[in-house]
Amino acid sequence: MTTELTIDEAARVRLWHRVNQFLFREARLLDEWRLVEWYDEMLTHDIRYSVPATDVRGEAPGALGLIDDDPARLRQRIEQLLNGEVWCENPRSRTNRMITNVEVLTDRGTHLDVAANVLVHRFGHGRSDAYVGKYRFELVADGESFRVRRRVVVLDHETLYEHGKLSIIL
């Protein structure tokens, strides 16, 4: 038994596929430490990258976070990582990201609200870590692709004690 998709359903499937391909490319650029390319080609000029504190569940305006970067701070973070100024990333860690459960939550006309689950394996300096969490994105259209205007990584860990530092871009 075959079921034909309606035009609206087919359009949603195509959009979901485009979003997945975008997120997979982003993961590959980050895993390959192609951070300048990631910044220049995949982010908007008003990007906001944040990682709330592990004791904050969901969005909590005004709460302290682990990372809350505007464009200038994110560019500085990238330069420090690539120039060897971050001692704990010299030599660089190896990472492997797994993105699942991608969902286009809302099409707001100006941007898409997208959610996904993420697992980032990090290897280096005699240890391996696993960061488990959720991505929340605001994606704006850029031709046939997208750019990230907002990137929130909500970690599911109760504490980062075992993981120590957050020196990579999650």
N, C-alpha and C. Protein backbone atom coordinates (compact mmCIF):
# COMPACT_ATOMS: atom_id res chain seq x y z
N MET A 1 0.84 -1.18 0.00
CA MET A 1 0.00 0.00 0.00
C MET A 1 0.88 1.24 0.00
N THR A 2 0.70 2.12 -0.94
CA THR A 2 1.47 3.36 -0.99
C THR A 2 0.56 4.53 -0.67
N THR A 3 1.14 5.50 -0.04
CA THR A 3 0.41 6.71 0.30
C THR A 3 1.09 7.87 -0.38
N GLU A 4 0.32 8.67 -1.10
CA GLU A 4 0.89 9.84 -1.75
C GLU A 4 0.86 11.01 -0.79
N LEU A 5 1.92 11.81 -0.83
CA LEU A 5 1.99 12.99 0.01
C LEU A 5 1.23 14.13 -0.66
N THR A 6 0.55 14.92 0.16
CA THR A 6 -0.07 16.13 -0.38
C THR A 6 1.03 17.15 -0.65
N ILE A 7 0.68 18.21 -1.34
CA ILE A 7 1.67 19.25 -1.65
C ILE A 7 2.23 19.84 -0.37
N ASP A 8 1.38 20.12 0.63
CA ASP A 8 1.87 20.68 1.90
C ASP A 8 2.78 19.71 2.62
N GLU A 9 2.41 18.44 2.64
CA GLU A 9 3.25 17.44 3.31
C GLU A 9 4.58 17.29 2.59
N ALA A 10 4.55 17.29 1.28
CA ALA A 10 5.79 17.18 0.50
C ALA A 10 6.68 18.38 0.74
N ALA A 11 6.10 19.56 0.83
CA ALA A 11 6.89 20.77 1.10
C ALA A 11 7.53 20.69 2.49
N ARG A 12 6.78 20.18 3.48
CA ARG A 12 7.32 20.04 4.84
C ARG A 12 8.48 19.04 4.86
N VAL A 13 8.33 17.96 4.13
CA VAL A 13 9.40 16.95 4.07
C VAL A 13 10.63 17.54 3.42
N ARG A 14 10.47 18.30 2.33
CA ARG A 14 11.62 18.94 1.67
C ARG A 14 12.30 19.94 2.60
N LEU A 15 11.52 20.74 3.31
CA LEU A 15 12.08 21.71 4.26
C LEU A 15 12.84 20.97 5.36
N TRP A 16 12.25 19.93 5.92
CA TRP A 16 12.91 19.15 6.97
C TRP A 16 14.24 18.58 6.46
N HIS A 17 14.24 18.08 5.23
CA HIS A 17 15.46 17.55 4.64
C HIS A 17 16.53 18.64 4.48
N ARG A 18 16.13 19.82 4.00
CA ARG A 18 17.08 20.94 3.85
C ARG A 18 17.66 21.34 5.20
N VAL A 19 16.83 21.39 6.23
CA VAL A 19 17.30 21.74 7.58
C VAL A 19 18.29 20.68 8.07
N ASN A 20 17.98 19.41 7.89
CA ASN A 20 18.89 18.34 8.28
C ASN A 20 20.23 18.47 7.58
N GLN A 21 20.22 18.68 6.28
CA GLN A 21 21.47 18.80 5.53
C GLN A 21 22.29 19.97 6.04
N PHE A 22 21.63 21.06 6.37
CA PHE A 22 22.31 22.24 6.92
C PHE A 22 22.96 21.89 8.26
N LEU A 23 22.20 21.25 9.15
CA LEU A 23 22.74 20.91 10.48
C LEU A 23 23.88 19.90 10.39
N PHE A 24 23.78 18.96 9.45
CA PHE A 24 24.86 17.98 9.27
C PHE A 24 26.11 18.67 8.77
N ARG A 25 25.97 19.63 7.86
CA ARG A 25 27.15 20.37 7.36
C ARG A 25 27.76 21.18 8.49
N GLU A 26 26.92 21.83 9.30
CA GLU A 26 27.43 22.60 10.43
C GLU A 26 28.23 21.70 11.36
N ALA A 27 27.71 20.53 11.67
CA ALA A 27 28.40 19.58 12.55
C ALA A 27 29.75 19.19 11.97
N ARG A 28 29.79 18.93 10.66
CA ARG A 28 31.04 18.54 10.02
C ARG A 28 32.07 19.66 10.09
N LEU A 29 31.67 20.90 9.82
CA LEU A 29 32.61 22.02 9.89
C LEU A 29 33.17 22.18 11.30
N LEU A 30 32.32 22.05 12.30
CA LEU A 30 32.79 22.17 13.68
C LEU A 30 33.71 21.00 14.05
N ASP A 31 33.36 19.79 13.65
CA ASP A 31 34.21 18.64 13.95
C ASP A 31 35.56 18.72 13.25
N GLU A 32 35.59 19.34 12.08
CA GLU A 32 36.85 19.49 11.33
C GLU A 32 37.61 20.76 11.72
N TRP A 33 37.13 21.47 12.71
CA TRP A 33 37.75 22.71 13.20
C TRP A 33 37.85 23.76 12.09
N ARG A 34 36.89 23.77 11.21
CA ARG A 34 36.82 24.79 10.15
C ARG A 34 35.94 25.93 10.67
N LEU A 35 36.40 26.50 11.77
CA LEU A 35 35.60 27.46 12.54
C LEU A 35 35.40 28.79 11.82
N VAL A 36 36.40 29.26 11.09
CA VAL A 36 36.24 30.51 10.36
C VAL A 36 35.22 30.33 9.24
N GLU A 37 35.32 29.22 8.53
CA GLU A 37 34.35 28.92 7.47
C GLU A 37 32.95 28.81 8.07
N TRP A 38 32.82 28.13 9.20
CA TRP A 38 31.53 28.00 9.89
C TRP A 38 30.98 29.38 10.24
N TYR A 39 31.82 30.23 10.83
CA TYR A 39 31.39 31.56 11.23
C TYR A 39 30.97 32.40 10.01
N ASP A 40 31.80 32.41 8.98
CA ASP A 40 31.56 33.27 7.81
C ASP A 40 30.39 32.80 6.95
N GLU A 41 30.21 31.50 6.82
CA GLU A 41 29.23 30.98 5.87
C GLU A 41 27.92 30.51 6.48
N MET A 42 27.91 30.26 7.79
CA MET A 42 26.71 29.65 8.36
C MET A 42 25.99 30.50 9.40
N LEU A 43 26.58 31.62 9.78
CA LEU A 43 26.00 32.44 10.83
C LEU A 43 25.59 33.80 10.30
N THR A 44 24.58 34.41 10.92
CA THR A 44 24.18 35.76 10.56
C THR A 44 25.11 36.76 11.24
N HIS A 45 25.05 38.01 10.79
CA HIS A 45 25.89 39.06 11.36
C HIS A 45 25.50 39.39 12.80
N ASP A 46 24.29 38.97 13.23
CA ASP A 46 23.84 39.25 14.60
C ASP A 46 23.67 37.97 15.41
N ILE A 47 24.52 36.98 15.13
CA ILE A 47 24.46 35.68 15.80
C ILE A 47 24.49 35.81 17.32
N ARG A 48 23.78 34.93 17.97
CA ARG A 48 23.85 34.79 19.43
C ARG A 48 24.03 33.31 19.72
N TYR A 49 25.12 32.96 20.38
CA TYR A 49 25.44 31.57 20.74
C TYR A 49 25.47 31.47 22.25
N SER A 50 24.62 30.61 22.80
CA SER A 50 24.58 30.51 24.26
C SER A 50 24.45 29.07 24.72
N VAL A 51 25.01 28.84 25.91
CA VAL A 51 24.90 27.57 26.61
C VAL A 51 24.47 27.93 28.03
N PRO A 52 23.19 27.73 28.35
CA PRO A 52 22.73 28.06 29.71
C PRO A 52 23.43 27.19 30.76
N ALA A 53 23.45 27.66 31.98
CA ALA A 53 24.00 26.86 33.09
C ALA A 53 23.23 25.55 33.18
N THR A 54 23.89 24.51 33.68
CA THR A 54 23.27 23.18 33.71
C THR A 54 22.10 23.08 34.69
N ASP A 55 21.98 24.04 35.60
CA ASP A 55 20.84 24.00 36.53
C ASP A 55 19.65 24.80 36.01
N VAL A 56 19.76 25.35 34.80
CA VAL A 56 18.67 26.10 34.19
C VAL A 56 17.99 25.19 33.18
N ARG A 57 16.72 25.01 33.32
CA ARG A 57 15.96 24.18 32.39
C ARG A 57 15.13 25.09 31.50
N GLY A 58 15.31 24.95 30.21
CA GLY A 58 14.56 25.77 29.26
C GLY A 58 15.14 27.17 29.19
N GLU A 59 14.35 28.07 28.67
CA GLU A 59 14.78 29.46 28.54
C GLU A 59 14.53 30.19 29.86
N ALA A 60 15.53 30.86 30.37
CA ALA A 60 15.40 31.61 31.62
C ALA A 60 16.08 32.97 31.43
N PRO A 61 15.36 33.93 30.88
CA PRO A 61 15.96 35.24 30.64
C PRO A 61 16.61 35.82 31.90
N GLY A 62 17.81 36.32 31.76
CA GLY A 62 18.52 36.93 32.86
C GLY A 62 19.33 35.96 33.70
N ALA A 63 19.15 34.66 33.50
CA ALA A 63 19.91 33.66 34.27
C ALA A 63 21.35 33.62 33.77
N LEU A 64 22.27 33.36 34.68
CA LEU A 64 23.66 33.21 34.28
C LEU A 64 23.82 31.98 33.41
N GLY A 65 24.74 32.06 32.47
CA GLY A 65 24.97 30.93 31.59
C GLY A 65 26.44 30.59 31.53
N LEU A 66 26.74 29.46 30.93
CA LEU A 66 28.13 29.05 30.73
C LEU A 66 28.75 29.84 29.58
N ILE A 67 27.96 30.06 28.54
CA ILE A 67 28.41 30.83 27.37
C ILE A 67 27.25 31.71 26.92
N ASP A 68 27.55 32.94 26.58
CA ASP A 68 26.55 33.84 25.99
C ASP A 68 27.31 34.81 25.09
N ASP A 69 27.55 34.36 23.85
CA ASP A 69 28.39 35.11 22.92
C ASP A 69 27.59 35.89 21.89
N ASP A 70 27.96 37.14 21.73
CA ASP A 70 27.48 37.94 20.61
C ASP A 70 28.49 37.74 19.47
N PRO A 71 28.29 38.37 18.30
CA PRO A 71 29.21 38.12 17.18
C PRO A 71 30.68 38.41 17.50
N ALA A 72 30.96 39.53 18.17
CA ALA A 72 32.35 39.88 18.46
C ALA A 72 32.99 38.87 19.41
N ARG A 73 32.27 38.47 20.43
CA ARG A 73 32.82 37.51 21.40
C ARG A 73 33.01 36.13 20.76
N LEU A 74 32.09 35.73 19.90
CA LEU A 74 32.24 34.45 19.23
C LEU A 74 33.43 34.46 18.29
N ARG A 75 33.62 35.55 17.56
CA ARG A 75 34.79 35.67 16.67
C ARG A 75 36.08 35.61 17.48
N GLN A 76 36.10 36.27 18.63
CA GLN A 76 37.27 36.24 19.51
C GLN A 76 37.52 34.81 20.02
N ARG A 77 36.46 34.11 20.40
CA ARG A 77 36.58 32.73 20.88
C ARG A 77 37.21 31.86 19.78
N ILE A 78 36.76 32.03 18.54
CA ILE A 78 37.29 31.25 17.41
C ILE A 78 38.77 31.56 17.19
N GLU A 79 39.13 32.84 17.20
CA GLU A 79 40.53 33.22 17.00
C GLU A 79 41.42 32.63 18.09
N GLN A 80 40.97 32.66 19.33
CA GLN A 80 41.75 32.11 20.43
C GLN A 80 41.92 30.60 20.28
N LEU A 81 40.85 29.91 19.88
CA LEU A 81 40.92 28.47 19.69
C LEU A 81 41.88 28.11 18.56
N LEU A 82 41.80 28.82 17.45
CA LEU A 82 42.63 28.49 16.29
C LEU A 82 44.08 28.93 16.43
N ASN A 83 44.33 29.96 17.23
CA ASN A 83 45.70 30.47 17.40
C ASN A 83 46.45 29.81 18.54
N GLY A 84 45.85 28.81 19.18
CA GLY A 84 46.53 28.10 20.25
C GLY A 84 46.56 28.84 21.57
N GLU A 85 45.75 29.89 21.72
CA GLU A 85 45.74 30.67 22.95
C GLU A 85 44.97 29.97 24.07
N VAL A 86 44.14 29.01 23.71
CA VAL A 86 43.38 28.26 24.71
C VAL A 86 44.20 27.01 25.02
N TRP A 87 44.90 27.04 26.15
CA TRP A 87 45.87 25.98 26.47
C TRP A 87 45.26 24.59 26.47
N CYS A 88 44.00 24.48 26.90
CA CYS A 88 43.38 23.16 26.97
C CYS A 88 42.95 22.64 25.61
N GLU A 89 43.13 23.42 24.56
CA GLU A 89 42.86 22.97 23.19
C GLU A 89 44.13 23.05 22.35
N ASN A 90 45.26 22.81 23.00
CA ASN A 90 46.53 22.80 22.30
C ASN A 90 47.30 21.56 22.75
N PRO A 91 47.28 20.46 22.02
CA PRO A 91 46.67 20.29 20.71
C PRO A 91 45.15 20.22 20.80
N ARG A 92 44.51 20.41 19.65
CA ARG A 92 43.06 20.45 19.59
C ARG A 92 42.43 19.10 19.90
N SER A 93 41.29 19.17 20.56
CA SER A 93 40.49 17.97 20.80
C SER A 93 39.90 17.50 19.47
N ARG A 94 39.59 16.22 19.43
CA ARG A 94 38.83 15.67 18.31
C ARG A 94 37.39 15.55 18.77
N THR A 95 36.45 15.90 17.90
CA THR A 95 35.04 15.79 18.26
C THR A 95 34.28 15.03 17.19
N ASN A 96 33.17 14.48 17.62
CA ASN A 96 32.28 13.77 16.72
C ASN A 96 30.86 14.04 17.21
N ARG A 97 30.08 14.73 16.40
CA ARG A 97 28.72 15.12 16.78
C ARG A 97 27.70 14.20 16.14
N MET A 98 26.70 13.87 16.91
CA MET A 98 25.56 13.11 16.41
C MET A 98 24.31 13.93 16.67
N ILE A 99 23.61 14.23 15.59
CA ILE A 99 22.41 15.05 15.68
C ILE A 99 21.21 14.19 15.32
N THR A 100 20.20 14.19 16.18
CA THR A 100 19.01 13.37 15.96
C THR A 100 17.75 14.17 16.28
N ASN A 101 16.63 13.56 15.98
CA ASN A 101 15.31 14.10 16.33
C ASN A 101 15.15 15.55 15.88
N VAL A 102 15.60 15.84 14.68
CA VAL A 102 15.48 17.19 14.14
C VAL A 102 14.02 17.49 13.86
N GLU A 103 13.59 18.64 14.34
CA GLU A 103 12.20 19.03 14.17
C GLU A 103 12.11 20.52 13.85
N VAL A 104 11.40 20.84 12.79
CA VAL A 104 11.09 22.23 12.49
C VAL A 104 9.85 22.56 13.31
N LEU A 105 10.05 23.35 14.37
CA LEU A 105 8.96 23.62 15.30
C LEU A 105 7.96 24.63 14.73
N THR A 106 8.50 25.73 14.19
CA THR A 106 7.65 26.81 13.72
C THR A 106 8.30 27.52 12.56
N ASP A 107 7.50 27.85 11.57
CA ASP A 107 7.94 28.74 10.49
C ASP A 107 7.32 30.10 10.79
N ARG A 108 8.15 31.02 11.24
CA ARG A 108 7.65 32.33 11.65
C ARG A 108 7.65 33.35 10.51
N GLY A 109 7.93 32.89 9.32
CA GLY A 109 7.99 33.81 8.19
C GLY A 109 9.36 34.44 8.04
N THR A 110 9.90 34.99 9.13
CA THR A 110 11.24 35.60 9.11
C THR A 110 12.32 34.58 9.44
N HIS A 111 11.94 33.53 10.12
CA HIS A 111 12.91 32.49 10.50
C HIS A 111 12.18 31.21 10.89
N LEU A 112 12.96 30.14 10.97
CA LEU A 112 12.45 28.86 11.45
C LEU A 112 12.94 28.63 12.87
N ASP A 113 12.08 28.13 13.73
CA ASP A 113 12.50 27.63 15.04
C ASP A 113 12.73 26.14 14.87
N VAL A 114 13.95 25.68 15.19
CA VAL A 114 14.33 24.29 14.97
C VAL A 114 14.87 23.72 16.27
N ALA A 115 14.52 22.47 16.55
CA ALA A 115 15.04 21.76 17.72
C ALA A 115 15.68 20.46 17.25
N ALA A 116 16.69 20.02 17.99
CA ALA A 116 17.33 18.73 17.70
C ALA A 116 18.02 18.25 18.97
N ASN A 117 18.22 16.96 19.06
CA ASN A 117 19.02 16.39 20.13
C ASN A 117 20.45 16.27 19.62
N VAL A 118 21.41 16.38 20.54
CA VAL A 118 22.81 16.32 20.13
C VAL A 118 23.62 15.53 21.15
N LEU A 119 24.60 14.82 20.64
CA LEU A 119 25.61 14.16 21.45
C LEU A 119 26.95 14.53 20.84
N VAL A 120 27.79 15.20 21.62
CA VAL A 120 29.12 15.59 21.14
C VAL A 120 30.14 14.77 21.92
N HIS A 121 30.83 13.89 21.20
CA HIS A 121 31.94 13.14 21.80
C HIS A 121 33.20 13.97 21.61
N ARG A 122 33.97 14.08 22.66
CA ARG A 122 35.22 14.87 22.62
C ARG A 122 36.35 13.99 23.12
N PHE A 123 37.43 13.95 22.33
CA PHE A 123 38.57 13.12 22.65
C PHE A 123 39.83 13.96 22.64
N GLY A 124 40.69 13.73 23.59
CA GLY A 124 41.97 14.41 23.61
C GLY A 124 42.49 14.58 25.02
N HIS A 125 43.79 14.80 25.12
CA HIS A 125 44.43 15.06 26.40
C HIS A 125 44.20 13.91 27.38
N GLY A 126 44.18 12.70 26.85
CA GLY A 126 44.08 11.53 27.70
C GLY A 126 42.70 11.26 28.27
N ARG A 127 41.69 11.88 27.71
CA ARG A 127 40.34 11.63 28.22
C ARG A 127 39.33 11.72 27.09
N SER A 128 38.15 11.24 27.39
CA SER A 128 37.04 11.41 26.45
C SER A 128 35.83 11.87 27.24
N ASP A 129 35.08 12.76 26.65
CA ASP A 129 33.89 13.32 27.27
C ASP A 129 32.72 13.15 26.32
N ALA A 130 31.54 13.15 26.86
CA ALA A 130 30.32 13.13 26.06
C ALA A 130 29.41 14.22 26.59
N TYR A 131 29.05 15.15 25.74
CA TYR A 131 28.13 16.23 26.07
C TYR A 131 26.79 15.89 25.43
N VAL A 132 25.76 15.74 26.25
CA VAL A 132 24.44 15.36 25.79
C VAL A 132 23.51 16.54 26.00
N GLY A 133 22.72 16.85 24.98
CA GLY A 133 21.82 17.97 25.16
C GLY A 133 20.89 18.18 23.98
N LYS A 134 20.39 19.40 23.94
CA LYS A 134 19.44 19.79 22.91
C LYS A 134 19.91 21.07 22.24
N TYR A 135 19.76 21.11 20.94
CA TYR A 135 20.00 22.33 20.18
C TYR A 135 18.67 23.04 19.98
N ARG A 136 18.72 24.36 20.06
CA ARG A 136 17.60 25.21 19.68
C ARG A 136 18.18 26.25 18.73
N PHE A 137 17.61 26.34 17.54
CA PHE A 137 18.11 27.25 16.52
C PHE A 137 17.02 28.20 16.06
N GLU A 138 17.45 29.40 15.66
CA GLU A 138 16.67 30.25 14.78
C GLU A 138 17.44 30.26 13.48
N LEU A 139 16.83 29.75 12.42
CA LEU A 139 17.46 29.70 11.11
C LEU A 139 16.75 30.67 10.19
N VAL A 140 17.53 31.50 9.52
CA VAL A 140 16.97 32.40 8.52
C VAL A 140 17.38 31.90 7.14
N ALA A 141 16.49 32.10 6.18
CA ALA A 141 16.75 31.63 4.82
C ALA A 141 17.92 32.41 4.22
N ASP A 142 18.74 31.69 3.46
CA ASP A 142 19.87 32.26 2.73
C ASP A 142 19.95 31.53 1.39
N GLY A 143 19.18 31.99 0.41
CA GLY A 143 19.08 31.28 -0.85
C GLY A 143 18.41 29.95 -0.62
N GLU A 144 19.04 28.87 -1.05
CA GLU A 144 18.50 27.53 -0.85
C GLU A 144 18.92 26.93 0.50
N SER A 145 19.76 27.65 1.23
CA SER A 145 20.24 27.16 2.51
C SER A 145 19.74 28.07 3.63
N PHE A 146 20.47 28.08 4.72
CA PHE A 146 20.09 28.86 5.90
C PHE A 146 21.32 29.49 6.52
N ARG A 147 21.08 30.37 7.47
CA ARG A 147 22.10 30.89 8.37
C ARG A 147 21.52 30.85 9.77
N VAL A 148 22.41 30.66 10.74
CA VAL A 148 21.99 30.58 12.15
C VAL A 148 22.00 31.98 12.74
N ARG A 149 20.86 32.41 13.27
CA ARG A 149 20.79 33.69 13.97
C ARG A 149 20.87 33.48 15.48
N ARG A 150 20.37 32.35 15.93
CA ARG A 150 20.43 32.04 17.37
C ARG A 150 20.72 30.57 17.51
N ARG A 151 21.68 30.26 18.39
CA ARG A 151 22.11 28.87 18.61
C ARG A 151 22.23 28.67 20.11
N VAL A 152 21.32 27.88 20.67
CA VAL A 152 21.30 27.60 22.11
C VAL A 152 21.56 26.12 22.29
N VAL A 153 22.50 25.80 23.18
CA VAL A 153 22.80 24.41 23.50
C VAL A 153 22.43 24.19 24.96
N VAL A 154 21.38 23.43 25.18
CA VAL A 154 20.92 23.14 26.54
C VAL A 154 21.45 21.76 26.91
N LEU A 155 22.41 21.74 27.81
CA LEU A 155 23.02 20.47 28.23
C LEU A 155 22.12 19.76 29.23
N ASP A 156 22.06 18.45 29.12
CA ASP A 156 21.24 17.65 30.02
C ASP A 156 21.98 17.25 31.30
N HIS A 157 23.25 17.58 31.40
CA HIS A 157 24.05 17.22 32.57
C HIS A 157 23.60 18.03 33.79
N GLU A 158 23.68 17.40 34.95
CA GLU A 158 23.39 18.12 36.18
C GLU A 158 24.57 19.00 36.57
N THR A 159 25.75 18.59 36.16
CA THR A 159 26.96 19.33 36.46
C THR A 159 27.99 19.04 35.38
N LEU A 160 28.96 19.90 35.22
CA LEU A 160 30.04 19.66 34.28
C LEU A 160 31.30 19.22 35.00
N TYR A 161 31.19 18.88 36.28
CA TYR A 161 32.36 18.51 37.07
C TYR A 161 33.20 17.44 36.39
N GLU A 162 32.56 16.37 35.96
CA GLU A 162 33.29 15.29 35.31
C GLU A 162 33.84 15.72 33.95
N HIS A 163 33.19 16.68 33.33
CA HIS A 163 33.61 17.11 32.00
C HIS A 163 34.61 18.26 32.07
N GLY A 164 34.68 18.90 33.19
CA GLY A 164 35.66 19.97 33.33
C GLY A 164 35.33 21.21 32.56
N LYS A 165 36.03 21.43 31.49
CA LYS A 165 35.94 22.69 30.77
C LYS A 165 35.08 22.58 29.52
N LEU A 166 34.60 23.72 29.10
CA LEU A 166 33.84 23.82 27.85
C LEU A 166 34.66 24.66 26.89
N SER A 167 35.70 24.10 26.37
CA SER A 167 36.60 24.88 25.50
C SER A 167 36.32 24.69 24.03
N ILE A 168 35.42 23.79 23.69
CA ILE A 168 35.05 23.59 22.28
C ILE A 168 33.73 24.32 22.02
N ILE A 169 33.43 24.50 20.76
CA ILE A 169 32.12 25.02 20.41
C ILE A 169 31.19 23.83 20.31
N LEU A 170 30.19 23.83 21.17
CA LEU A 170 29.25 22.72 21.17
C LEU A 170 28.30 22.84 19.99
